[in-house]
Amino acid sequence: MIKPTLLYGSLEIVSRETLEPLFTLNVGELRNPSQLEKLRVVFADNNKHFIVLASFKEIVNPAYSPLKDGEIKDL
């Protein structure tokens, strides 16, 4: 089954001393937010001198159609 939306995630690494963003790691498409959160926790626990922020973007799936193939022809 095709989902109506796609979830993309990224991690931003920020210096704890200067609060300047150092880089962003685009993780890509996720099944659920907990996947990225687990990765964020591992990075944050092992790098105490950085702040690790997770961000999510949900977009409409271009392959999703609420109509069945047969219903599209009847329109």
PDB file of N, CA and C in Angstrom:
ATOM      1  N   MET A   1       0.836  -1.182   0.000  1.00  0.00           N
ATOM      2  CA  MET A   1       0.000   0.000   0.000  1.00  0.00           C
ATOM      3  C   MET A   1       0.882   1.247   0.000  1.00  0.00           C
ATOM      4  N   ILE A   2       0.523   2.206  -0.814  1.00  0.00           N
ATOM      5  CA  ILE A   2       1.277   3.442  -0.918  1.00  0.00           C
ATOM      6  C   ILE A   2       0.773   4.429   0.135  1.00  0.00           C
ATOM      7  N   LYS A   3       1.709   4.992   0.895  1.00  0.00           N
ATOM      8  CA  LYS A   3       1.353   5.961   1.933  1.00  0.00           C
ATOM      9  C   LYS A   3       0.997   7.308   1.300  1.00  0.00           C
ATOM     10  N   PRO A   4       0.061   8.068   1.915  1.00  0.00           N
ATOM     11  CA  PRO A   4      -0.299   9.370   1.357  1.00  0.00           C
ATOM     12  C   PRO A   4       0.784  10.431   1.549  1.00  0.00           C
ATOM     13  N   THR A   5       1.674  10.248   2.527  1.00  0.00           N
ATOM     14  CA  THR A   5       2.754  11.211   2.746  1.00  0.00           C
ATOM     15  C   THR A   5       4.075  10.480   2.928  1.00  0.00           C
ATOM     16  N   LEU A   6       5.155  11.186   2.673  1.00  0.00           N
ATOM     17  CA  LEU A   6       6.503  10.667   2.881  1.00  0.00           C
ATOM     18  C   LEU A   6       7.159  11.485   3.985  1.00  0.00           C
ATOM     19  N   LEU A   7       7.945  10.845   4.830  1.00  0.00           N
ATOM     20  CA  LEU A   7       8.612  11.504   5.941  1.00  0.00           C
ATOM     21  C   LEU A   7      10.118  11.492   5.692  1.00  0.00           C
ATOM     22  N   TYR A   8      10.720  12.677   5.674  1.00  0.00           N
ATOM     23  CA  TYR A   8      12.157  12.820   5.505  1.00  0.00           C
ATOM     24  C   TYR A   8      12.744  13.412   6.773  1.00  0.00           C
ATOM     25  N   GLY A   9      13.972  13.025   7.099  1.00  0.00           N
ATOM     26  CA  GLY A   9      14.595  13.517   8.317  1.00  0.00           C
ATOM     27  C   GLY A   9      16.022  13.961   8.095  1.00  0.00           C
ATOM     28  N   SER A  10      16.482  14.835   8.993  1.00  0.00           N
ATOM     29  CA  SER A  10      17.870  15.280   8.970  1.00  0.00           C
ATOM     30  C   SER A  10      18.325  15.562  10.387  1.00  0.00           C
ATOM     31  N   LEU A  11      19.629  15.465  10.597  1.00  0.00           N
ATOM     32  CA  LEU A  11      20.245  15.774  11.876  1.00  0.00           C
ATOM     33  C   LEU A  11      21.137  16.986  11.694  1.00  0.00           C
ATOM     34  N   GLU A  12      21.010  17.954  12.590  1.00  0.00           N
ATOM     35  CA  GLU A  12      21.867  19.129  12.543  1.00  0.00           C
ATOM     36  C   GLU A  12      22.804  19.079  13.746  1.00  0.00           C
ATOM     37  N   ILE A  13      24.084  19.216  13.476  1.00  0.00           N
ATOM     38  CA  ILE A  13      25.106  19.187  14.517  1.00  0.00           C
ATOM     39  C   ILE A  13      25.501  20.633  14.817  1.00  0.00           C
ATOM     40  N   VAL A  14      25.383  21.017  16.106  1.00  0.00           N
ATOM     41  CA  VAL A  14      25.628  22.394  16.534  1.00  0.00           C
ATOM     42  C   VAL A  14      26.705  22.375  17.610  1.00  0.00           C
ATOM     43  N   SER A  15      27.626  23.348  17.543  1.00  0.00           N
ATOM     44  CA  SER A  15      28.651  23.477  18.571  1.00  0.00           C
ATOM     45  C   SER A  15      28.015  23.928  19.879  1.00  0.00           C
ATOM     46  N   ARG A  16      28.303  23.236  20.959  1.00  0.00           N
ATOM     47  CA  ARG A  16      27.726  23.578  22.260  1.00  0.00           C
ATOM     48  C   ARG A  16      28.309  24.899  22.785  1.00  0.00           C
ATOM     49  N   GLU A  17      29.548  25.214  22.445  1.00  0.00           N
ATOM     50  CA  GLU A  17      30.204  26.430  22.933  1.00  0.00           C
ATOM     51  C   GLU A  17      29.734  27.687  22.223  1.00  0.00           C
ATOM     52  N   THR A  18      29.636  27.630  20.904  1.00  0.00           N
ATOM     53  CA  THR A  18      29.301  28.830  20.123  1.00  0.00           C
ATOM     54  C   THR A  18      27.872  28.835  19.596  1.00  0.00           C
ATOM     55  N   LEU A  19      27.184  27.708  19.696  1.00  0.00           N
ATOM     56  CA  LEU A  19      25.830  27.529  19.159  1.00  0.00           C
ATOM     57  C   LEU A  19      25.754  27.771  17.651  1.00  0.00           C
ATOM     58  N   GLU A  20      26.873  27.575  16.976  1.00  0.00           N
ATOM     59  CA  GLU A  20      26.906  27.705  15.521  1.00  0.00           C
ATOM     60  C   GLU A  20      26.668  26.338  14.889  1.00  0.00           C
ATOM     61  N   PRO A  21      25.807  26.285  13.872  1.00  0.00           N
ATOM     62  CA  PRO A  21      25.602  25.010  13.165  1.00  0.00           C
ATOM     63  C   PRO A  21      26.879  24.613  12.431  1.00  0.00           C
ATOM     64  N   LEU A  22      27.300  23.385  12.609  1.00  0.00           N
ATOM     65  CA  LEU A  22      28.509  22.901  11.954  1.00  0.00           C
ATOM     66  C   LEU A  22      28.196  22.207  10.638  1.00  0.00           C
ATOM     67  N   PHE A  23      27.215  21.310  10.663  1.00  0.00           N
ATOM     68  CA  PHE A  23      26.779  20.668   9.419  1.00  0.00           C
ATOM     69  C   PHE A  23      25.438  19.984   9.631  1.00  0.00           C
ATOM     70  N   THR A  24      24.809  19.648   8.508  1.00  0.00           N
ATOM     71  CA  THR A  24      23.526  18.952   8.518  1.00  0.00           C
ATOM     72  C   THR A  24      23.689  17.624   7.791  1.00  0.00           C
ATOM     73  N   LEU A  25      23.181  16.584   8.407  1.00  0.00           N
ATOM     74  CA  LEU A  25      23.228  15.244   7.832  1.00  0.00           C
ATOM     75  C   LEU A  25      21.813  14.872   7.390  1.00  0.00           C
ATOM     76  N   ASN A  26      21.575  14.839   6.089  1.00  0.00           N
ATOM     77  CA  ASN A  26      20.267  14.444   5.560  1.00  0.00           C
ATOM     78  C   ASN A  26      20.189  12.928   5.549  1.00  0.00           C
ATOM     79  N   VAL A  27      19.262  12.398   6.331  1.00  0.00           N
ATOM     80  CA  VAL A  27      19.145  10.950   6.478  1.00  0.00           C
ATOM     81  C   VAL A  27      18.313  10.347   5.351  1.00  0.00           C
ATOM     82  N   GLY A  28      17.322  11.074   4.872  1.00  0.00           N
ATOM     83  CA  GLY A  28      16.484  10.576   3.793  1.00  0.00           C
ATOM     84  C   GLY A  28      15.112  10.156   4.279  1.00  0.00           C
ATOM     85  N   GLU A  29      14.499   9.256   3.530  1.00  0.00           N
ATOM     86  CA  GLU A  29      13.127   8.830   3.831  1.00  0.00           C
ATOM     87  C   GLU A  29      13.094   7.893   5.038  1.00  0.00           C
ATOM     88  N   LEU A  30      12.129   8.115   5.914  1.00  0.00           N
ATOM     89  CA  LEU A  30      11.965   7.330   7.129  1.00  0.00           C
ATOM     90  C   LEU A  30      10.615   6.637   7.138  1.00  0.00           C
ATOM     91  N   ARG A  31      10.543   5.510   7.834  1.00  0.00           N
ATOM     92  CA  ARG A  31       9.247   4.848   8.031  1.00  0.00           C
ATOM     93  C   ARG A  31       8.479   5.503   9.165  1.00  0.00           C
ATOM     94  N   ASN A  32       9.210   5.853  10.237  1.00  0.00           N
ATOM     95  CA  ASN A  32       8.577   6.529  11.370  1.00  0.00           C
ATOM     96  C   ASN A  32       9.619   7.398  12.076  1.00  0.00           C
ATOM     97  N   PRO A  33       9.194   8.393  12.838  1.00  0.00           N
ATOM     98  CA  PRO A  33      10.128   9.326  13.474  1.00  0.00           C
ATOM     99  C   PRO A  33      11.080   8.674  14.475  1.00  0.00           C
ATOM    100  N   SER A  34      10.708   7.561  15.059  1.00  0.00           N
ATOM    101  CA  SER A  34      11.561   6.939  16.066  1.00  0.00           C
ATOM    102  C   SER A  34      12.891   6.454  15.479  1.00  0.00           C
ATOM    103  N   GLN A  35      12.933   6.173  14.187  1.00  0.00           N
ATOM    104  CA  GLN A  35      14.185   5.757  13.559  1.00  0.00           C
ATOM    105  C   GLN A  35      15.236   6.852  13.685  1.00  0.00           C
ATOM    106  N   LEU A  36      14.853   8.079  13.366  1.00  0.00           N
ATOM    107  CA  LEU A  36      15.783   9.196  13.435  1.00  0.00           C
ATOM    108  C   LEU A  36      16.092   9.557  14.880  1.00  0.00           C
ATOM    109  N   GLU A  37      15.125   9.446  15.760  1.00  0.00           N
ATOM    110  CA  GLU A  37      15.339   9.774  17.164  1.00  0.00           C
ATOM    111  C   GLU A  37      16.357   8.826  17.801  1.00  0.00           C
ATOM    112  N   LYS A  38      16.316   7.561  17.449  1.00  0.00           N
ATOM    113  CA  LYS A  38      17.303   6.603  17.961  1.00  0.00           C
ATOM    114  C   LYS A  38      18.710   6.978  17.493  1.00  0.00           C
ATOM    115  N   LEU A  39      18.826   7.374  16.237  1.00  0.00           N
ATOM    116  CA  LEU A  39      20.116   7.792  15.695  1.00  0.00           C
ATOM    117  C   LEU A  39      20.606   9.075  16.374  1.00  0.00           C
ATOM    118  N   ARG A  40      19.699  10.013  16.619  1.00  0.00           N
ATOM    119  CA  ARG A  40      20.044  11.272  17.285  1.00  0.00           C
ATOM    120  C   ARG A  40      20.569  11.012  18.699  1.00  0.00           C
ATOM    121  N   VAL A  41      19.922  10.115  19.423  1.00  0.00           N
ATOM    122  CA  VAL A  41      20.340   9.794  20.790  1.00  0.00           C
ATOM    123  C   VAL A  41      21.745   9.198  20.802  1.00  0.00           C
ATOM    124  N   VAL A  42      22.048   8.309  19.865  1.00  0.00           N
ATOM    125  CA  VAL A  42      23.378   7.701  19.792  1.00  0.00           C
ATOM    126  C   VAL A  42      24.432   8.773  19.529  1.00  0.00           C
ATOM    127  N   PHE A  43      24.186   9.664  18.562  1.00  0.00           N
ATOM    128  CA  PHE A  43      25.128  10.746  18.273  1.00  0.00           C
ATOM    129  C   PHE A  43      25.294  11.666  19.484  1.00  0.00           C
ATOM    130  N   ALA A  44      24.194  12.050  20.124  1.00  0.00           N
ATOM    131  CA  ALA A  44      24.248  12.976  21.257  1.00  0.00           C
ATOM    132  C   ALA A  44      24.971  12.351  22.453  1.00  0.00           C
ATOM    133  N   ASP A  45      24.725  11.086  22.732  1.00  0.00           N
ATOM    134  CA  ASP A  45      25.370  10.423  23.869  1.00  0.00           C
ATOM    135  C   ASP A  45      26.874  10.270  23.676  1.00  0.00           C
ATOM    136  N   ASN A  46      27.304  10.093  22.443  1.00  0.00           N
ATOM    137  CA  ASN A  46      28.721   9.868  22.169  1.00  0.00           C
ATOM    138  C   ASN A  46      29.493  11.133  21.813  1.00  0.00           C
ATOM    139  N   ASN A  47      28.814  12.268  21.720  1.00  0.00           N
ATOM    140  CA  ASN A  47      29.453  13.543  21.380  1.00  0.00           C
ATOM    141  C   ASN A  47      28.906  14.631  22.292  1.00  0.00           C
ATOM    142  N   LYS A  48      29.380  14.651  23.538  1.00  0.00           N
ATOM    143  CA  LYS A  48      28.841  15.569  24.545  1.00  0.00           C
ATOM    144  C   LYS A  48      29.147  17.038  24.241  1.00  0.00           C
ATOM    145  N   HIS A  49      30.143  17.339  23.422  1.00  0.00           N
ATOM    146  CA  HIS A  49      30.485  18.727  23.122  1.00  0.00           C
ATOM    147  C   HIS A  49      29.691  19.283  21.934  1.00  0.00           C
ATOM    148  N   PHE A  50      28.757  18.497  21.422  1.00  0.00           N
ATOM    149  CA  PHE A  50      27.874  18.951  20.345  1.00  0.00           C
ATOM    150  C   PHE A  50      26.418  18.817  20.764  1.00  0.00           C
ATOM    151  N   ILE A  51      25.573  19.652  20.191  1.00  0.00           N
ATOM    152  CA  ILE A  51      24.126  19.517  20.324  1.00  0.00           C
ATOM    153  C   ILE A  51      23.641  18.891  19.022  1.00  0.00           C
ATOM    154  N   VAL A  52      22.849  17.855  19.124  1.00  0.00           N
ATOM    155  CA  VAL A  52      22.347  17.157  17.938  1.00  0.00           C
ATOM    156  C   VAL A  52      20.834  17.364  17.879  1.00  0.00           C
ATOM    157  N   LEU A  53      20.385  18.025  16.809  1.00  0.00           N
ATOM    158  CA  LEU A  53      18.972  18.340  16.628  1.00  0.00           C
ATOM    159  C   LEU A  53      18.397  17.524  15.470  1.00  0.00           C
ATOM    160  N   ALA A  54      17.221  16.981  15.673  1.00  0.00           N
ATOM    161  CA  ALA A  54      16.538  16.235  14.613  1.00  0.00           C
ATOM    162  C   ALA A  54      15.430  17.102  14.035  1.00  0.00           C
ATOM    163  N   SER A  55      15.286  17.062  12.725  1.00  0.00           N
ATOM    164  CA  SER A  55      14.168  17.772  12.088  1.00  0.00           C
ATOM    165  C   SER A  55      13.526  16.846  11.066  1.00  0.00           C
ATOM    166  N   PHE A  56      12.236  17.033  10.908  1.00  0.00           N
ATOM    167  CA  PHE A  56      11.442  16.185  10.025  1.00  0.00           C
ATOM    168  C   PHE A  56      10.701  17.047   9.007  1.00  0.00           C
ATOM    169  N   LYS A  57      10.501  16.487   7.829  1.00  0.00           N
ATOM    170  CA  LYS A  57       9.709  17.146   6.803  1.00  0.00           C
ATOM    171  C   LYS A  57       8.767  16.105   6.219  1.00  0.00           C
ATOM    172  N   GLU A  58       7.488  16.407   6.246  1.00  0.00           N
ATOM    173  CA  GLU A  58       6.485  15.490   5.706  1.00  0.00           C
ATOM    174  C   GLU A  58       5.930  16.107   4.426  1.00  0.00           C
ATOM    175  N   ILE A  59       6.004  15.358   3.334  1.00  0.00           N
ATOM    176  CA  ILE A  59       5.510  15.860   2.055  1.00  0.00           C
ATOM    177  C   ILE A  59       4.469  14.893   1.501  1.00  0.00           C
ATOM    178  N   VAL A  60       3.646  15.398   0.614  1.00  0.00           N
ATOM    179  CA  VAL A  60       2.637  14.567  -0.038  1.00  0.00           C
ATOM    180  C   VAL A  60       3.339  13.642  -1.029  1.00  0.00           C
ATOM    181  N   ASN A  61       3.018  12.382  -0.971  1.00  0.00           N
ATOM    182  CA  ASN A  61       3.613  11.387  -1.850  1.00  0.00           C
ATOM    183  C   ASN A  61       3.053  11.559  -3.263  1.00  0.00           C
ATOM    184  N   PRO A  62       3.898  11.839  -4.256  1.00  0.00           N
ATOM    185  CA  PRO A  62       3.398  12.017  -5.627  1.00  0.00           C
ATOM    186  C   PRO A  62       2.829  10.730  -6.230  1.00  0.00           C
ATOM    187  N   ALA A  63       3.201   9.582  -5.683  1.00  0.00           N
ATOM    188  CA  ALA A  63       2.706   8.308  -6.209  1.00  0.00           C
ATOM    189  C   ALA A  63       1.368   7.908  -5.600  1.00  0.00           C
ATOM    190  N   TYR A  64       0.918   8.647  -4.575  1.00  0.00           N
ATOM    191  CA  TYR A  64      -0.322   8.289  -3.884  1.00  0.00           C
ATOM    192  C   TYR A  64      -1.535   8.857  -4.608  1.00  0.00           C
ATOM    193  N   SER A  65      -2.575   8.041  -4.712  1.00  0.00           N
ATOM    194  CA  SER A  65      -3.849   8.488  -5.259  1.00  0.00           C
ATOM    195  C   SER A  65      -4.965   7.868  -4.416  1.00  0.00           C
ATOM    196  N   PRO A  66      -5.869   8.689  -3.874  1.00  0.00           N
ATOM    197  CA  PRO A  66      -6.941   8.127  -3.070  1.00  0.00           C
ATOM    198  C   PRO A  66      -7.966   7.355  -3.907  1.00  0.00           C
ATOM    199  N   LEU A  67      -7.932   7.545  -5.225  1.00  0.00           N
ATOM    200  CA  LEU A  67      -8.863   6.865  -6.123  1.00  0.00           C
ATOM    201  C   LEU A  67      -8.242   5.576  -6.643  1.00  0.00           C
ATOM    202  N   LYS A  68      -9.044   4.586  -6.853  1.00  0.00           N
ATOM    203  CA  LYS A  68      -8.599   3.332  -7.462  1.00  0.00           C
ATOM    204  C   LYS A  68      -8.420   3.559  -8.959  1.00  0.00           C
ATOM    205  N   ASP A  69      -7.652   2.704  -9.613  1.00  0.00           N
ATOM    206  CA  ASP A  69      -7.394   2.863 -11.053  1.00  0.00           C
ATOM    207  C   ASP A  69      -8.688   2.861 -11.859  1.00  0.00           C
ATOM    208  N   GLY A  70      -9.624   2.025 -11.511  1.00  0.00           N
ATOM    209  CA  GLY A  70     -10.896   1.974 -12.235  1.00  0.00           C
ATOM    210  C   GLY A  70     -11.716   3.245 -12.081  1.00  0.00           C
ATOM    211  N   GLU A  71     -11.630   3.866 -10.916  1.00  0.00           N
ATOM    212  CA  GLU A  71     -12.373   5.104 -10.657  1.00  0.00           C
ATOM    213  C   GLU A  71     -11.810   6.275 -11.444  1.00  0.00           C
ATOM    214  N   ILE A  72     -10.532   6.261 -11.733  1.00  0.00           N
ATOM    215  CA  ILE A  72      -9.910   7.361 -12.463  1.00  0.00           C
ATOM    216  C   ILE A  72     -10.449   7.397 -13.891  1.00  0.00           C
ATOM    217  N   LYS A  73     -10.655   6.227 -14.522  1.00  0.00           N
ATOM    218  CA  LYS A  73     -11.149   6.181 -15.893  1.00  0.00           C
ATOM    219  C   LYS A  73     -12.582   6.696 -15.997  1.00  0.00           C
ATOM    220  N   ASP A  74     -13.372   6.519 -14.937  1.00  0.00           N
ATOM    221  CA  ASP A  74     -14.763   6.938 -14.962  1.00  0.00           C
ATOM    222  C   ASP A  74     -14.942   8.438 -14.798  1.00  0.00           C
ATOM    223  N   LEU A  75     -13.919   9.148 -14.380  1.00  0.00           N
ATOM    224  CA  LEU A  75     -14.048  10.593 -14.155  1.00  0.00           C
ATOM    225  C   LEU A  75     -14.179  11.358 -15.403  1.00  0.00           C
TER     226      LEU A  75
END
